Amino acid sequence: RRKSRTAFTAQQVLELERRFVVTWFQNRRAKLKRDVEEMRADLASLRSLSPEIQCRLALPDAAPGLCPGPARPDSGPQLSDEEIQVDD
């Protein structure tokens, strides 16, 4: 036997949808914040590598005078910590 379906009023449906959307955005912001923190940790670990390895990986913060050969390719725009802020 199937369980009978709960009948919600129009007002209850609107309230459920409102709460669901708020929760969905909160979950997205939390995921974004986790991803940004993980990327910052990855970047910090890369910066701790020797300058020679940074040059081989073409990291943007590698010491320019220590990287032999042609100029490294542009790594794209750099974002400051202020530009990466994620609201809780």
N, C-alpha and C. Protein backbone atom coordinates (compact mmCIF):
# COMPACT_ATOMS: atom_id res chain seq x y z
N ARG A 1 0.83 -1.19 0.00
CA ARG A 1 0.00 0.00 0.00
C ARG A 1 0.87 1.25 0.00
N ARG A 2 0.43 2.22 -0.75
CA ARG A 2 1.16 3.48 -0.81
C ARG A 2 0.67 4.41 0.29
N LYS A 3 1.57 5.16 0.80
CA LYS A 3 1.22 6.18 1.79
C LYS A 3 0.46 7.30 1.09
N SER A 4 -0.57 7.79 1.75
CA SER A 4 -1.34 8.87 1.13
C SER A 4 -0.50 10.14 1.06
N ARG A 5 -0.75 10.91 0.03
CA ARG A 5 0.01 12.13 -0.20
C ARG A 5 -0.52 13.26 0.69
N THR A 6 0.41 14.02 1.28
CA THR A 6 0.02 15.14 2.12
C THR A 6 -0.43 16.29 1.24
N ALA A 7 -1.58 16.83 1.55
CA ALA A 7 -2.10 17.97 0.78
C ALA A 7 -1.73 19.25 1.52
N PHE A 8 -0.91 20.09 0.88
CA PHE A 8 -0.52 21.36 1.48
C PHE A 8 -1.44 22.47 0.96
N THR A 9 -1.66 23.44 1.81
CA THR A 9 -2.41 24.61 1.36
C THR A 9 -1.48 25.47 0.50
N ALA A 10 -2.06 26.39 -0.23
CA ALA A 10 -1.25 27.29 -1.07
C ALA A 10 -0.25 28.07 -0.21
N GLN A 11 -0.68 28.51 0.95
CA GLN A 11 0.20 29.26 1.86
C GLN A 11 1.36 28.38 2.34
N GLN A 12 1.07 27.12 2.67
CA GLN A 12 2.12 26.20 3.11
C GLN A 12 3.12 25.96 1.97
N VAL A 13 2.64 25.81 0.76
CA VAL A 13 3.53 25.60 -0.39
C VAL A 13 4.44 26.81 -0.58
N LEU A 14 3.89 28.02 -0.50
CA LEU A 14 4.71 29.23 -0.64
C LEU A 14 5.79 29.30 0.44
N GLU A 15 5.42 28.97 1.67
CA GLU A 15 6.39 29.00 2.77
C GLU A 15 7.48 27.94 2.56
N LEU A 16 7.10 26.75 2.14
CA LEU A 16 8.10 25.71 1.87
C LEU A 16 9.05 26.13 0.75
N GLU A 17 8.53 26.71 -0.31
CA GLU A 17 9.38 27.17 -1.41
C GLU A 17 10.31 28.29 -0.94
N ARG A 18 9.80 29.21 -0.14
CA ARG A 18 10.64 30.31 0.36
C ARG A 18 11.80 29.75 1.19
N ARG A 19 11.49 28.84 2.08
CA ARG A 19 12.55 28.26 2.93
C ARG A 19 13.54 27.44 2.11
N PHE A 20 13.02 26.69 1.16
CA PHE A 20 13.90 25.87 0.34
C PHE A 20 14.89 26.74 -0.42
N VAL A 21 14.44 27.81 -1.02
CA VAL A 21 15.32 28.68 -1.81
C VAL A 21 16.38 29.31 -0.91
N VAL A 22 15.98 29.75 0.28
CA VAL A 22 16.97 30.34 1.19
C VAL A 22 18.03 29.30 1.56
N THR A 23 17.60 28.08 1.86
CA THR A 23 18.54 27.01 2.20
C THR A 23 19.46 26.71 1.03
N TRP A 24 18.93 26.68 -0.19
CA TRP A 24 19.73 26.38 -1.36
C TRP A 24 20.85 27.41 -1.53
N PHE A 25 20.52 28.71 -1.37
CA PHE A 25 21.54 29.74 -1.50
C PHE A 25 22.56 29.66 -0.37
N GLN A 26 22.11 29.34 0.84
CA GLN A 26 23.05 29.19 1.95
C GLN A 26 24.02 28.05 1.66
N ASN A 27 23.51 26.95 1.12
CA ASN A 27 24.37 25.81 0.80
C ASN A 27 25.37 26.18 -0.30
N ARG A 28 24.92 26.94 -1.31
CA ARG A 28 25.84 27.37 -2.37
C ARG A 28 26.94 28.27 -1.83
N ARG A 29 26.57 29.21 -0.95
CA ARG A 29 27.59 30.10 -0.37
C ARG A 29 28.57 29.31 0.48
N ALA A 30 28.08 28.34 1.24
CA ALA A 30 28.97 27.52 2.07
C ALA A 30 29.93 26.71 1.18
N LYS A 31 29.42 26.16 0.10
CA LYS A 31 30.27 25.39 -0.81
C LYS A 31 31.32 26.30 -1.45
N LEU A 32 30.90 27.49 -1.88
CA LEU A 32 31.84 28.43 -2.47
C LEU A 32 32.94 28.79 -1.47
N LYS A 33 32.54 29.04 -0.23
CA LYS A 33 33.51 29.40 0.80
C LYS A 33 34.50 28.25 1.03
N ARG A 34 34.03 27.00 1.08
CA ARG A 34 34.92 25.85 1.23
C ARG A 34 35.88 25.75 0.05
N ASP A 35 35.36 25.94 -1.16
CA ASP A 35 36.21 25.86 -2.35
C ASP A 35 37.29 26.94 -2.35
N VAL A 36 36.93 28.16 -1.96
CA VAL A 36 37.90 29.25 -1.92
C VAL A 36 38.98 28.96 -0.87
N GLU A 37 38.57 28.46 0.29
CA GLU A 37 39.54 28.14 1.34
C GLU A 37 40.48 27.03 0.88
N GLU A 38 39.95 26.04 0.17
CA GLU A 38 40.79 24.96 -0.34
C GLU A 38 41.78 25.48 -1.38
N MET A 39 41.32 26.37 -2.25
CA MET A 39 42.22 26.95 -3.25
C MET A 39 43.31 27.79 -2.60
N ARG A 40 42.97 28.54 -1.55
CA ARG A 40 43.98 29.33 -0.85
C ARG A 40 45.02 28.43 -0.20
N ALA A 41 44.57 27.31 0.39
CA ALA A 41 45.51 26.37 1.01
C ALA A 41 46.43 25.77 -0.06
N ASP A 42 45.86 25.42 -1.22
CA ASP A 42 46.68 24.89 -2.31
C ASP A 42 47.72 25.91 -2.76
N LEU A 43 47.31 27.16 -2.91
CA LEU A 43 48.22 28.21 -3.33
C LEU A 43 49.32 28.43 -2.30
N ALA A 44 48.96 28.39 -1.01
CA ALA A 44 49.96 28.56 0.04
C ALA A 44 50.99 27.44 -0.01
N SER A 45 50.54 26.22 -0.26
CA SER A 45 51.50 25.10 -0.33
C SER A 45 52.39 25.23 -1.57
N LEU A 46 51.85 25.73 -2.67
CA LEU A 46 52.67 25.94 -3.87
C LEU A 46 53.72 27.03 -3.64
N ARG A 47 53.32 28.07 -2.91
CA ARG A 47 54.27 29.17 -2.64
C ARG A 47 55.41 28.73 -1.74
N SER A 48 55.22 27.65 -1.00
CA SER A 48 56.28 27.17 -0.11
C SER A 48 57.32 26.35 -0.87
N LEU A 49 57.06 26.06 -2.14
CA LEU A 49 58.03 25.31 -2.94
C LEU A 49 59.23 26.19 -3.28
N SER A 50 60.32 25.55 -3.66
CA SER A 50 61.52 26.29 -4.01
C SER A 50 61.26 27.15 -5.25
N PRO A 51 62.00 28.26 -5.41
CA PRO A 51 61.82 29.12 -6.59
C PRO A 51 62.01 28.38 -7.91
N GLU A 52 62.92 27.38 -7.94
CA GLU A 52 63.14 26.64 -9.18
C GLU A 52 61.90 25.85 -9.58
N ILE A 53 61.27 25.22 -8.60
CA ILE A 53 60.05 24.45 -8.90
C ILE A 53 58.92 25.41 -9.28
N GLN A 54 58.85 26.56 -8.61
CA GLN A 54 57.83 27.55 -8.98
C GLN A 54 58.01 27.97 -10.43
N CYS A 55 59.25 28.14 -10.86
CA CYS A 55 59.51 28.51 -12.26
C CYS A 55 59.04 27.41 -13.20
N ARG A 56 59.33 26.16 -12.86
CA ARG A 56 58.90 25.05 -13.70
C ARG A 56 57.39 24.97 -13.81
N LEU A 57 56.70 25.32 -12.72
CA LEU A 57 55.24 25.29 -12.72
C LEU A 57 54.64 26.57 -13.29
N ALA A 58 55.49 27.56 -13.59
CA ALA A 58 55.07 28.86 -14.11
C ALA A 58 54.09 29.53 -13.17
N LEU A 59 54.42 29.52 -11.88
CA LEU A 59 53.57 30.19 -10.90
C LEU A 59 53.73 31.70 -11.02
N PRO A 60 52.64 32.45 -10.86
CA PRO A 60 52.71 33.90 -11.03
C PRO A 60 53.62 34.59 -10.02
N ASP A 61 53.80 34.03 -8.82
CA ASP A 61 54.62 34.67 -7.80
C ASP A 61 56.08 34.24 -7.82
N ALA A 62 56.47 33.42 -8.79
CA ALA A 62 57.86 32.97 -8.87
C ALA A 62 58.76 34.18 -9.08
N ALA A 63 59.93 34.14 -8.48
CA ALA A 63 60.88 35.25 -8.59
C ALA A 63 61.27 35.44 -10.05
N PRO A 64 60.99 36.62 -10.63
CA PRO A 64 61.22 36.83 -12.06
C PRO A 64 62.68 36.68 -12.47
N GLY A 65 63.62 37.09 -11.64
CA GLY A 65 65.03 37.00 -12.00
C GLY A 65 65.57 35.59 -11.95
N LEU A 66 64.87 34.69 -11.29
CA LEU A 66 65.36 33.33 -11.14
C LEU A 66 64.83 32.37 -12.21
N CYS A 67 63.88 32.82 -13.01
CA CYS A 67 63.29 31.94 -14.02
C CYS A 67 64.02 32.13 -15.34
N PRO A 68 64.77 31.13 -15.76
CA PRO A 68 65.50 31.25 -17.03
C PRO A 68 64.56 31.09 -18.21
N GLY A 69 65.05 31.46 -19.39
CA GLY A 69 64.30 31.25 -20.61
C GLY A 69 63.32 32.37 -20.89
N PRO A 70 62.44 32.12 -21.86
CA PRO A 70 61.50 33.17 -22.25
C PRO A 70 60.54 33.50 -21.12
N ALA A 71 59.93 34.65 -21.26
CA ALA A 71 58.98 35.09 -20.23
C ALA A 71 57.85 34.08 -20.12
N ARG A 72 57.39 33.91 -18.92
CA ARG A 72 56.29 32.97 -18.69
C ARG A 72 55.02 33.53 -19.30
N PRO A 73 54.11 32.63 -19.70
CA PRO A 73 52.84 33.11 -20.24
C PRO A 73 52.03 33.83 -19.18
N ASP A 74 51.22 34.78 -19.61
CA ASP A 74 50.37 35.51 -18.69
C ASP A 74 49.39 34.54 -18.05
N SER A 75 49.32 34.55 -16.73
CA SER A 75 48.44 33.62 -16.03
C SER A 75 47.05 34.18 -15.85
N GLY A 76 46.76 35.31 -16.44
CA GLY A 76 45.42 35.88 -16.33
C GLY A 76 45.35 36.87 -15.19
N PRO A 77 44.16 37.41 -14.96
CA PRO A 77 44.00 38.43 -13.93
C PRO A 77 44.24 37.86 -12.53
N GLN A 78 44.84 38.67 -11.69
CA GLN A 78 45.09 38.28 -10.31
C GLN A 78 44.04 38.93 -9.42
N LEU A 79 43.48 38.18 -8.48
CA LEU A 79 42.48 38.69 -7.56
C LEU A 79 43.08 38.88 -6.18
N SER A 80 42.77 39.99 -5.55
CA SER A 80 43.23 40.22 -4.19
C SER A 80 42.30 39.49 -3.23
N ASP A 81 42.72 39.38 -1.96
CA ASP A 81 41.88 38.74 -0.95
C ASP A 81 40.55 39.46 -0.80
N GLU A 82 40.57 40.79 -0.95
CA GLU A 82 39.32 41.55 -0.84
C GLU A 82 38.35 41.18 -1.95
N GLU A 83 38.87 40.89 -3.14
CA GLU A 83 38.01 40.55 -4.26
C GLU A 83 37.45 39.13 -4.16
N ILE A 84 38.04 38.32 -3.29
CA ILE A 84 37.63 36.93 -3.16
C ILE A 84 36.74 36.73 -1.93
N GLN A 85 36.37 37.79 -1.25
CA GLN A 85 35.56 37.66 -0.05
C GLN A 85 34.25 36.94 -0.32
N VAL A 86 33.90 36.03 0.58
CA VAL A 86 32.64 35.28 0.49
C VAL A 86 31.84 35.58 1.74
N ASP A 87 30.62 36.06 1.56
CA ASP A 87 29.77 36.36 2.71
C ASP A 87 29.27 35.08 3.35
N ASP A 88 29.17 35.10 4.66
CA ASP A 88 28.62 33.94 5.37
C ASP A 88 27.12 33.93 5.29
